[in-house]
Every structure is written in structure tokens, then in C-alpha cells.
Amino acid sequence: MSAETANRTWRGPSAARRREILLSTKTIAIVGASANPARASYFVNRYLASTSDYTVWLVNPTIDEIDGAPVYPSLADLPGVPDMVDVFRRYD
């Protein structure tokens, strides 16, 4: 076992705890939101907006709106504190 593997101690939440988290979440911020339909962040935004009761806040400093929804330049600019933050980053 490598030193890197031995130092890994974090374990993700159980399925039951993940369900609790999702049921208690009301607001989700998508950091790295994109207006490009080929991007995963665009799909996630559209999916959440069309199939859930979550309030979705989009964050990207280079875009003002996506499909008519406002896009905030940073998490600090959101109208409230999100319950969950989904971060999308470019590969590089």
C-alpha cells in the first residue's frame, strides 16, 4: 500500500445520509455554469430546473444570464447562502 493510499481517511456519506442531504436541500449553486448545451453544467442546470423544486443559482463571472436566468459573478454575490454547491471546472 502506498503512503498516498494509507493517508486516505475520508469516507463519503452512506446512501441513507445522501438521501437526507438531498431531501433537506432547498437551494443549489452551480459554480462554473455554462450556456453551452454541450457542457455538463448546462445539463445539470436544465435537469434540476425542470425536474425538481430546488432553487438553482448559477455562478460564472463571465456570463450575465443563461436561458433567461441570472448568473452571479461569485458565491458572495448570491441572494442567500446555498444549501449545496455543485462545482464544475475545466479540465485544465
PDB file of N, CA and C in Angstrom:
ATOM      1  N   MET A   1       0.852  -1.173   0.000  1.00  0.00           N
ATOM      2  CA  MET A   1       0.000   0.000   0.000  1.00  0.00           C
ATOM      3  C   MET A   1       0.896   1.234   0.000  1.00  0.00           C
ATOM      4  N   SER A   2       0.577   2.189  -0.877  1.00  0.00           N
ATOM      5  CA  SER A   2       1.382   3.401  -0.952  1.00  0.00           C
ATOM      6  C   SER A   2       1.024   4.336   0.191  1.00  0.00           C
ATOM      7  N   ALA A   3       1.914   5.296   0.451  1.00  0.00           N
ATOM      8  CA  ALA A   3       1.663   6.291   1.505  1.00  0.00           C
ATOM      9  C   ALA A   3       0.421   7.101   1.179  1.00  0.00           C
ATOM     10  N   GLU A   4       0.218   7.385  -0.110  1.00  0.00           N
ATOM     11  CA  GLU A   4      -0.965   8.156  -0.515  1.00  0.00           C
ATOM     12  C   GLU A   4      -2.249   7.400  -0.167  1.00  0.00           C
ATOM     13  N   THR A   5      -2.289   6.113  -0.447  1.00  0.00           N
ATOM     14  CA  THR A   5      -3.463   5.302  -0.136  1.00  0.00           C
ATOM     15  C   THR A   5      -3.661   5.189   1.365  1.00  0.00           C
ATOM     16  N   ALA A   6      -2.590   5.022   2.115  1.00  0.00           N
ATOM     17  CA  ALA A   6      -2.688   4.878   3.566  1.00  0.00           C
ATOM     18  C   ALA A   6      -3.207   6.144   4.233  1.00  0.00           C
ATOM     19  N   ASN A   7      -2.971   7.310   3.640  1.00  0.00           N
ATOM     20  CA  ASN A   7      -3.399   8.573   4.236  1.00  0.00           C
ATOM     21  C   ASN A   7      -4.843   8.943   3.911  1.00  0.00           C
ATOM     22  N   ARG A   8      -5.499   8.181   3.085  1.00  0.00           N
ATOM     23  CA  ARG A   8      -6.891   8.471   2.754  1.00  0.00           C
ATOM     24  C   ARG A   8      -7.788   7.989   3.895  1.00  0.00           C
ATOM     25  N   THR A   9      -8.425   8.919   4.547  1.00  0.00           N
ATOM     26  CA  THR A   9      -9.282   8.548   5.669  1.00  0.00           C
ATOM     27  C   THR A   9     -10.723   8.989   5.466  1.00  0.00           C
ATOM     28  N   TRP A  10     -10.967   9.901   4.534  1.00  0.00           N
ATOM     29  CA  TRP A  10     -12.325  10.390   4.335  1.00  0.00           C
ATOM     30  C   TRP A  10     -13.178   9.335   3.654  1.00  0.00           C
ATOM     31  N   ARG A  11     -14.372   9.164   4.161  1.00  0.00           N
ATOM     32  CA  ARG A  11     -15.334   8.265   3.548  1.00  0.00           C
ATOM     33  C   ARG A  11     -16.595   9.066   3.266  1.00  0.00           C
ATOM     34  N   GLY A  12     -17.143   8.870   2.103  1.00  0.00           N
ATOM     35  CA  GLY A  12     -18.365   9.571   1.734  1.00  0.00           C
ATOM     36  C   GLY A  12     -19.537   9.123   2.595  1.00  0.00           C
ATOM     37  N   PRO A  13     -20.607   9.910   2.583  1.00  0.00           N
ATOM     38  CA  PRO A  13     -21.782   9.558   3.381  1.00  0.00           C
ATOM     39  C   PRO A  13     -22.471   8.309   2.839  1.00  0.00           C
ATOM     40  N   SER A  14     -23.170   7.631   3.702  1.00  0.00           N
ATOM     41  CA  SER A  14     -23.923   6.441   3.306  1.00  0.00           C
ATOM     42  C   SER A  14     -25.063   6.839   2.373  1.00  0.00           C
ATOM     43  N   ALA A  15     -25.674   5.877   1.749  1.00  0.00           N
ATOM     44  CA  ALA A  15     -26.803   6.148   0.857  1.00  0.00           C
ATOM     45  C   ALA A  15     -27.936   6.824   1.626  1.00  0.00           C
ATOM     46  N   ALA A  16     -28.193   6.383   2.839  1.00  0.00           N
ATOM     47  CA  ALA A  16     -29.259   6.984   3.647  1.00  0.00           C
ATOM     48  C   ALA A  16     -28.940   8.443   3.966  1.00  0.00           C
ATOM     49  N   ARG A  17     -27.688   8.724   4.288  1.00  0.00           N
ATOM     50  CA  ARG A  17     -27.303  10.101   4.604  1.00  0.00           C
ATOM     51  C   ARG A  17     -27.358  10.977   3.356  1.00  0.00           C
ATOM     52  N   ARG A  18     -26.952  10.455   2.203  1.00  0.00           N
ATOM     53  CA  ARG A  18     -27.053  11.216   0.955  1.00  0.00           C
ATOM     54  C   ARG A  18     -28.500  11.575   0.668  1.00  0.00           C
ATOM     55  N   ARG A  19     -29.402  10.646   0.918  1.00  0.00           N
ATOM     56  CA  ARG A  19     -30.828  10.916   0.724  1.00  0.00           C
ATOM     57  C   ARG A  19     -31.299  12.016   1.663  1.00  0.00           C
ATOM     58  N   GLU A  20     -30.880  11.965   2.927  1.00  0.00           N
ATOM     59  CA  GLU A  20     -31.236  13.015   3.896  1.00  0.00           C
ATOM     60  C   GLU A  20     -30.737  14.382   3.419  1.00  0.00           C
ATOM     61  N   ILE A  21     -29.516  14.415   2.931  1.00  0.00           N
ATOM     62  CA  ILE A  21     -28.932  15.668   2.444  1.00  0.00           C
ATOM     63  C   ILE A  21     -29.764  16.221   1.289  1.00  0.00           C
ATOM     64  N   LEU A  22     -30.087  15.367   0.330  1.00  0.00           N
ATOM     65  CA  LEU A  22     -30.857  15.826  -0.827  1.00  0.00           C
ATOM     66  C   LEU A  22     -32.269  16.262  -0.451  1.00  0.00           C
ATOM     67  N   LEU A  23     -32.873  15.589   0.504  1.00  0.00           N
ATOM     68  CA  LEU A  23     -34.227  15.960   0.929  1.00  0.00           C
ATOM     69  C   LEU A  23     -34.246  17.265   1.725  1.00  0.00           C
ATOM     70  N   SER A  24     -33.164  17.574   2.417  1.00  0.00           N
ATOM     71  CA  SER A  24     -33.125  18.803   3.214  1.00  0.00           C
ATOM     72  C   SER A  24     -32.607  20.003   2.410  1.00  0.00           C
ATOM     73  N   THR A  25     -32.062  19.751   1.237  1.00  0.00           N
ATOM     74  CA  THR A  25     -31.528  20.819   0.396  1.00  0.00           C
ATOM     75  C   THR A  25     -32.656  21.563  -0.302  1.00  0.00           C
ATOM     76  N   LYS A  26     -32.606  22.887  -0.235  1.00  0.00           N
ATOM     77  CA  LYS A  26     -33.594  23.734  -0.912  1.00  0.00           C
ATOM     78  C   LYS A  26     -32.963  24.568  -2.022  1.00  0.00           C
ATOM     79  N   THR A  27     -31.703  24.971  -1.831  1.00  0.00           N
ATOM     80  CA  THR A  27     -31.017  25.817  -2.804  1.00  0.00           C
ATOM     81  C   THR A  27     -29.694  25.179  -3.222  1.00  0.00           C
ATOM     82  N   ILE A  28     -29.417  25.257  -4.518  1.00  0.00           N
ATOM     83  CA  ILE A  28     -28.173  24.710  -5.062  1.00  0.00           C
ATOM     84  C   ILE A  28     -27.511  25.778  -5.924  1.00  0.00           C
ATOM     85  N   ALA A  29     -26.242  26.020  -5.693  1.00  0.00           N
ATOM     86  CA  ALA A  29     -25.457  26.921  -6.535  1.00  0.00           C
ATOM     87  C   ALA A  29     -24.629  26.064  -7.489  1.00  0.00           C
ATOM     88  N   ILE A  30     -24.678  26.407  -8.756  1.00  0.00           N
ATOM     89  CA  ILE A  30     -23.858  25.721  -9.752  1.00  0.00           C
ATOM     90  C   ILE A  30     -22.733  26.662 -10.145  1.00  0.00           C
ATOM     91  N   VAL A  31     -21.541  26.378  -9.643  1.00  0.00           N
ATOM     92  CA  VAL A  31     -20.358  27.193  -9.936  1.00  0.00           C
ATOM     93  C   VAL A  31     -19.725  26.644 -11.219  1.00  0.00           C
ATOM     94  N   GLY A  32     -19.475  27.549 -12.145  1.00  0.00           N
ATOM     95  CA  GLY A  32     -18.962  27.144 -13.447  1.00  0.00           C
ATOM     96  C   GLY A  32     -20.092  26.877 -14.421  1.00  0.00           C
ATOM     97  N   ALA A  33     -21.252  27.479 -14.153  1.00  0.00           N
ATOM     98  CA  ALA A  33     -22.406  27.311 -15.037  1.00  0.00           C
ATOM     99  C   ALA A  33     -22.042  27.756 -16.446  1.00  0.00           C
ATOM    100  N   SER A  34     -22.578  27.048 -17.425  1.00  0.00           N
ATOM    101  CA  SER A  34     -22.268  27.348 -18.824  1.00  0.00           C
ATOM    102  C   SER A  34     -23.552  27.482 -19.630  1.00  0.00           C
ATOM    103  N   ALA A  35     -23.513  28.352 -20.636  1.00  0.00           N
ATOM    104  CA  ALA A  35     -24.624  28.499 -21.578  1.00  0.00           C
ATOM    105  C   ALA A  35     -24.483  27.528 -22.749  1.00  0.00           C
ATOM    106  N   ASN A  36     -23.421  26.750 -22.761  1.00  0.00           N
ATOM    107  CA  ASN A  36     -23.152  25.804 -23.837  1.00  0.00           C
ATOM    108  C   ASN A  36     -23.860  24.480 -23.538  1.00  0.00           C
ATOM    109  N   PRO A  37     -24.856  24.095 -24.359  1.00  0.00           N
ATOM    110  CA  PRO A  37     -25.585  22.853 -24.104  1.00  0.00           C
ATOM    111  C   PRO A  37     -24.716  21.594 -24.104  1.00  0.00           C
ATOM    112  N   ALA A  38     -23.514  21.667 -24.636  1.00  0.00           N
ATOM    113  CA  ALA A  38     -22.626  20.507 -24.640  1.00  0.00           C
ATOM    114  C   ALA A  38     -21.917  20.309 -23.300  1.00  0.00           C
ATOM    115  N   ARG A  39     -22.011  21.265 -22.413  1.00  0.00           N
ATOM    116  CA  ARG A  39     -21.322  21.190 -21.117  1.00  0.00           C
ATOM    117  C   ARG A  39     -22.197  20.510 -20.060  1.00  0.00           C
ATOM    118  N   ALA A  40     -21.562  19.766 -19.192  1.00  0.00           N
ATOM    119  CA  ALA A  40     -22.283  19.068 -18.127  1.00  0.00           C
ATOM    120  C   ALA A  40     -23.024  20.036 -17.202  1.00  0.00           C
ATOM    121  N   SER A  41     -22.436  21.194 -16.919  1.00  0.00           N
ATOM    122  CA  SER A  41     -23.089  22.146 -16.021  1.00  0.00           C
ATOM    123  C   SER A  41     -24.394  22.657 -16.610  1.00  0.00           C
ATOM    124  N   TYR A  42     -24.456  22.793 -17.925  1.00  0.00           N
ATOM    125  CA  TYR A  42     -25.690  23.221 -18.582  1.00  0.00           C
ATOM    126  C   TYR A  42     -26.763  22.150 -18.397  1.00  0.00           C
ATOM    127  N   PHE A  43     -26.394  20.898 -18.644  1.00  0.00           N
ATOM    128  CA  PHE A  43     -27.342  19.798 -18.497  1.00  0.00           C
ATOM    129  C   PHE A  43     -27.855  19.705 -17.067  1.00  0.00           C
ATOM    130  N   VAL A  44     -26.960  19.785 -16.089  1.00  0.00           N
ATOM    131  CA  VAL A  44     -27.362  19.689 -14.686  1.00  0.00           C
ATOM    132  C   VAL A  44     -28.316  20.820 -14.331  1.00  0.00           C
ATOM    133  N   ASN A  45     -28.015  22.031 -14.767  1.00  0.00           N
ATOM    134  CA  ASN A  45     -28.895  23.162 -14.509  1.00  0.00           C
ATOM    135  C   ASN A  45     -30.282  22.907 -15.098  1.00  0.00           C
ATOM    136  N   ARG A  46     -30.352  22.528 -16.356  1.00  0.00           N
ATOM    137  CA  ARG A  46     -31.638  22.286 -17.013  1.00  0.00           C
ATOM    138  C   ARG A  46     -32.399  21.151 -16.338  1.00  0.00           C
ATOM    139  N   TYR A  47     -31.700  20.097 -15.977  1.00  0.00           N
ATOM    140  CA  TYR A  47     -32.336  18.947 -15.333  1.00  0.00           C
ATOM    141  C   TYR A  47     -32.931  19.353 -13.982  1.00  0.00           C
ATOM    142  N   LEU A  48     -32.138  20.029 -13.151  1.00  0.00           N
ATOM    143  CA  LEU A  48     -32.636  20.437 -11.838  1.00  0.00           C
ATOM    144  C   LEU A  48     -33.798  21.421 -11.958  1.00  0.00           C
ATOM    145  N   ALA A  49     -33.686  22.358 -12.896  1.00  0.00           N
ATOM    146  CA  ALA A  49     -34.733  23.364 -13.073  1.00  0.00           C
ATOM    147  C   ALA A  49     -36.042  22.747 -13.557  1.00  0.00           C
ATOM    148  N   SER A  50     -35.954  21.691 -14.352  1.00  0.00           N
ATOM    149  CA  SER A  50     -37.169  21.124 -14.938  1.00  0.00           C
ATOM    150  C   SER A  50     -37.753  19.940 -14.167  1.00  0.00           C
ATOM    151  N   THR A  51     -36.979  19.351 -13.257  1.00  0.00           N
ATOM    152  CA  THR A  51     -37.465  18.131 -12.602  1.00  0.00           C
ATOM    153  C   THR A  51     -37.463  18.195 -11.082  1.00  0.00           C
ATOM    154  N   SER A  52     -37.158  19.357 -10.508  1.00  0.00           N
ATOM    155  CA  SER A  52     -37.068  19.416  -9.054  1.00  0.00           C
ATOM    156  C   SER A  52     -37.637  20.728  -8.530  1.00  0.00           C
ATOM    157  N   ASP A  53     -37.783  20.791  -7.224  1.00  0.00           N
ATOM    158  CA  ASP A  53     -38.240  22.013  -6.563  1.00  0.00           C
ATOM    159  C   ASP A  53     -37.082  22.843  -6.014  1.00  0.00           C
ATOM    160  N   TYR A  54     -35.848  22.451  -6.334  1.00  0.00           N
ATOM    161  CA  TYR A  54     -34.693  23.210  -5.868  1.00  0.00           C
ATOM    162  C   TYR A  54     -34.686  24.605  -6.480  1.00  0.00           C
ATOM    163  N   THR A  55     -34.241  25.584  -5.709  1.00  0.00           N
ATOM    164  CA  THR A  55     -33.903  26.884  -6.259  1.00  0.00           C
ATOM    165  C   THR A  55     -32.453  26.776  -6.711  1.00  0.00           C
ATOM    166  N   VAL A  56     -32.207  27.040  -7.994  1.00  0.00           N
ATOM    167  CA  VAL A  56     -30.867  26.890  -8.557  1.00  0.00           C
ATOM    168  C   VAL A  56     -30.306  28.267  -8.851  1.00  0.00           C
ATOM    169  N   TRP A  57     -29.138  28.552  -8.288  1.00  0.00           N
ATOM    170  CA  TRP A  57     -28.419  29.796  -8.546  1.00  0.00           C
ATOM    171  C   TRP A  57     -27.197  29.463  -9.386  1.00  0.00           C
ATOM    172  N   LEU A  58     -27.017  30.190 -10.461  1.00  0.00           N
ATOM    173  CA  LEU A  58     -25.900  29.957 -11.377  1.00  0.00           C
ATOM    174  C   LEU A  58     -24.775  30.937 -11.080  1.00  0.00           C
ATOM    175  N   VAL A  59     -23.543  30.438 -11.130  1.00  0.00           N
ATOM    176  CA  VAL A  59     -22.372  31.263 -10.822  1.00  0.00           C
ATOM    177  C   VAL A  59     -21.340  31.115 -11.931  1.00  0.00           C
ATOM    178  N   ASN A  60     -20.976  32.265 -12.526  1.00  0.00           N
ATOM    179  CA  ASN A  60     -19.915  32.319 -13.520  1.00  0.00           C
ATOM    180  C   ASN A  60     -19.587  33.794 -13.732  1.00  0.00           C
ATOM    181  N   PRO A  61     -18.348  34.199 -13.528  1.00  0.00           N
ATOM    182  CA  PRO A  61     -18.009  35.622 -13.637  1.00  0.00           C
ATOM    183  C   PRO A  61     -18.024  36.180 -15.059  1.00  0.00           C
ATOM    184  N   THR A  62     -18.178  35.327 -16.055  1.00  0.00           N
ATOM    185  CA  THR A  62     -18.097  35.802 -17.446  1.00  0.00           C
ATOM    186  C   THR A  62     -19.438  35.827 -18.173  1.00  0.00           C
ATOM    187  N   ILE A  63     -20.529  35.433 -17.508  1.00  0.00           N
ATOM    188  CA  ILE A  63     -21.847  35.355 -18.143  1.00  0.00           C
ATOM    189  C   ILE A  63     -22.857  36.113 -17.289  1.00  0.00           C
ATOM    190  N   ASP A  64     -23.797  36.812 -17.925  1.00  0.00           N
ATOM    191  CA  ASP A  64     -24.837  37.540 -17.188  1.00  0.00           C
ATOM    192  C   ASP A  64     -26.124  36.744 -17.006  1.00  0.00           C
ATOM    193  N   GLU A  65     -26.428  35.876 -17.976  1.00  0.00           N
ATOM    194  CA  GLU A  65     -27.633  35.059 -17.861  1.00  0.00           C
ATOM    195  C   GLU A  65     -27.520  33.811 -18.713  1.00  0.00           C
ATOM    196  N   ILE A  66     -28.286  32.800 -18.327  1.00  0.00           N
ATOM    197  CA  ILE A  66     -28.375  31.558 -19.093  1.00  0.00           C
ATOM    198  C   ILE A  66     -29.854  31.226 -19.212  1.00  0.00           C
ATOM    199  N   ASP A  67     -30.326  31.154 -20.428  1.00  0.00           N
ATOM    200  CA  ASP A  67     -31.741  30.846 -20.691  1.00  0.00           C
ATOM    201  C   ASP A  67     -32.680  31.723 -19.867  1.00  0.00           C
ATOM    202  N   GLY A  68     -32.339  32.991 -19.729  1.00  0.00           N
ATOM    203  CA  GLY A  68     -33.170  33.939 -19.008  1.00  0.00           C
ATOM    204  C   GLY A  68     -32.952  33.980 -17.503  1.00  0.00           C
ATOM    205  N   ALA A  69     -32.165  33.062 -16.965  1.00  0.00           N
ATOM    206  CA  ALA A  69     -31.889  33.042 -15.526  1.00  0.00           C
ATOM    207  C   ALA A  69     -30.635  33.871 -15.243  1.00  0.00           C
ATOM    208  N   PRO A  70     -30.642  34.657 -14.167  1.00  0.00           N
ATOM    209  CA  PRO A  70     -29.455  35.456 -13.860  1.00  0.00           C
ATOM    210  C   PRO A  70     -28.275  34.573 -13.465  1.00  0.00           C
ATOM    211  N   VAL A  71     -27.090  35.032 -13.818  1.00  0.00           N
ATOM    212  CA  VAL A  71     -25.859  34.344 -13.435  1.00  0.00           C
ATOM    213  C   VAL A  71     -25.059  35.312 -12.578  1.00  0.00           C
ATOM    214  N   TYR A  72     -24.667  34.860 -11.406  1.00  0.00           N
ATOM    215  CA  TYR A  72     -23.945  35.695 -10.445  1.00  0.00           C
ATOM    216  C   TYR A  72     -22.441  35.519 -10.647  1.00  0.00           C
ATOM    217  N   PRO A  73     -21.676  36.596 -10.431  1.00  0.00           N
ATOM    218  CA  PRO A  73     -20.231  36.501 -10.666  1.00  0.00           C
ATOM    219  C   PRO A  73     -19.479  35.658  -9.627  1.00  0.00           C
ATOM    220  N   SER A  74     -20.034  35.503  -8.436  1.00  0.00           N
ATOM    221  CA  SER A  74     -19.349  34.705  -7.400  1.00  0.00           C
ATOM    222  C   SER A  74     -20.355  34.217  -6.379  1.00  0.00           C
ATOM    223  N   LEU A  75     -19.946  33.277  -5.550  1.00  0.00           N
ATOM    224  CA  LEU A  75     -20.810  32.796  -4.468  1.00  0.00           C
ATOM    225  C   LEU A  75     -21.192  33.935  -3.527  1.00  0.00           C
ATOM    226  N   ALA A  76     -20.283  34.872  -3.317  1.00  0.00           N
ATOM    227  CA  ALA A  76     -20.548  36.001  -2.420  1.00  0.00           C
ATOM    228  C   ALA A  76     -21.661  36.902  -2.942  1.00  0.00           C
ATOM    229  N   ASP A  77     -21.943  36.847  -4.235  1.00  0.00           N
ATOM    230  CA  ASP A  77     -22.970  37.697  -4.845  1.00  0.00           C
ATOM    231  C   ASP A  77     -24.361  37.058  -4.861  1.00  0.00           C
ATOM    232  N   LEU A  78     -24.491  35.828  -4.415  1.00  0.00           N
ATOM    233  CA  LEU A  78     -25.791  35.148  -4.416  1.00  0.00           C
ATOM    234  C   LEU A  78     -26.757  35.842  -3.454  1.00  0.00           C
ATOM    235  N   PRO A  79     -28.063  35.716  -3.688  1.00  0.00           N
ATOM    236  CA  PRO A  79     -29.043  36.356  -2.808  1.00  0.00           C
ATOM    237  C   PRO A  79     -29.191  35.671  -1.452  1.00  0.00           C
ATOM    238  N   GLY A  80     -28.512  34.577  -1.252  1.00  0.00           N
ATOM    239  CA  GLY A  80     -28.556  33.859   0.021  1.00  0.00           C
ATOM    240  C   GLY A  80     -27.438  32.841   0.065  1.00  0.00           C
ATOM    241  N   VAL A  81     -27.386  32.087   1.137  1.00  0.00           N
ATOM    242  CA  VAL A  81     -26.371  31.040   1.288  1.00  0.00           C
ATOM    243  C   VAL A  81     -26.957  29.731   0.767  1.00  0.00           C
ATOM    244  N   PRO A  82     -26.339  29.137  -0.242  1.00  0.00           N
ATOM    245  CA  PRO A  82     -26.884  27.889  -0.787  1.00  0.00           C
ATOM    246  C   PRO A  82     -26.705  26.724   0.177  1.00  0.00           C
ATOM    247  N   ASP A  83     -27.639  25.791   0.112  1.00  0.00           N
ATOM    248  CA  ASP A  83     -27.517  24.570   0.911  1.00  0.00           C
ATOM    249  C   ASP A  83     -26.483  23.623   0.320  1.00  0.00           C
ATOM    250  N   MET A  84     -26.311  23.695  -0.994  1.00  0.00           N
ATOM    251  CA  MET A  84     -25.376  22.810  -1.683  1.00  0.00           C
ATOM    252  C   MET A  84     -24.694  23.601  -2.797  1.00  0.00           C
ATOM    253  N   VAL A  85     -23.440  23.281  -3.039  1.00  0.00           N
ATOM    254  CA  VAL A  85     -22.687  23.907  -4.128  1.00  0.00           C
ATOM    255  C   VAL A  85     -22.161  22.795  -5.027  1.00  0.00           C
ATOM    256  N   ASP A  86     -22.485  22.887  -6.303  1.00  0.00           N
ATOM    257  CA  ASP A  86     -22.018  21.935  -7.302  1.00  0.00           C
ATOM    258  C   ASP A  86     -20.993  22.675  -8.156  1.00  0.00           C
ATOM    259  N   VAL A  87     -19.751  22.193  -8.151  1.00  0.00           N
ATOM    260  CA  VAL A  87     -18.662  22.906  -8.822  1.00  0.00           C
ATOM    261  C   VAL A  87     -18.259  22.159 -10.095  1.00  0.00           C
ATOM    262  N   PHE A  88     -18.220  22.924 -11.197  1.00  0.00           N
ATOM    263  CA  PHE A  88     -17.763  22.419 -12.469  1.00  0.00           C
ATOM    264  C   PHE A  88     -16.514  23.197 -12.857  1.00  0.00           C
ATOM    265  N   ARG A  89     -15.446  22.467 -13.152  1.00  0.00           N
ATOM    266  CA  ARG A  89     -14.177  23.107 -13.525  1.00  0.00           C
ATOM    267  C   ARG A  89     -13.718  22.566 -14.855  1.00  0.00           C
ATOM    268  N   ARG A  90     -13.040  23.433 -15.609  1.00  0.00           N
ATOM    269  CA  ARG A  90     -12.433  22.978 -16.841  1.00  0.00           C
ATOM    270  C   ARG A  90     -11.348  21.957 -16.528  1.00  0.00           C
ATOM    271  N   TYR A  91     -11.114  21.067 -17.456  1.00  0.00           N
ATOM    272  CA  TYR A  91     -10.120  20.018 -17.284  1.00  0.00           C
ATOM    273  C   TYR A  91      -8.740  20.567 -16.966  1.00  0.00           C
ATOM    274  N   ASP A  92      -8.366  21.661 -17.646  1.00  0.00           N
ATOM    275  CA  ASP A  92      -7.033  22.213 -17.434  1.00  0.00           C
ATOM    276  C   ASP A  92      -6.995  23.036 -16.173  1.00  0.00           C
TER     277      ASP A  92
END
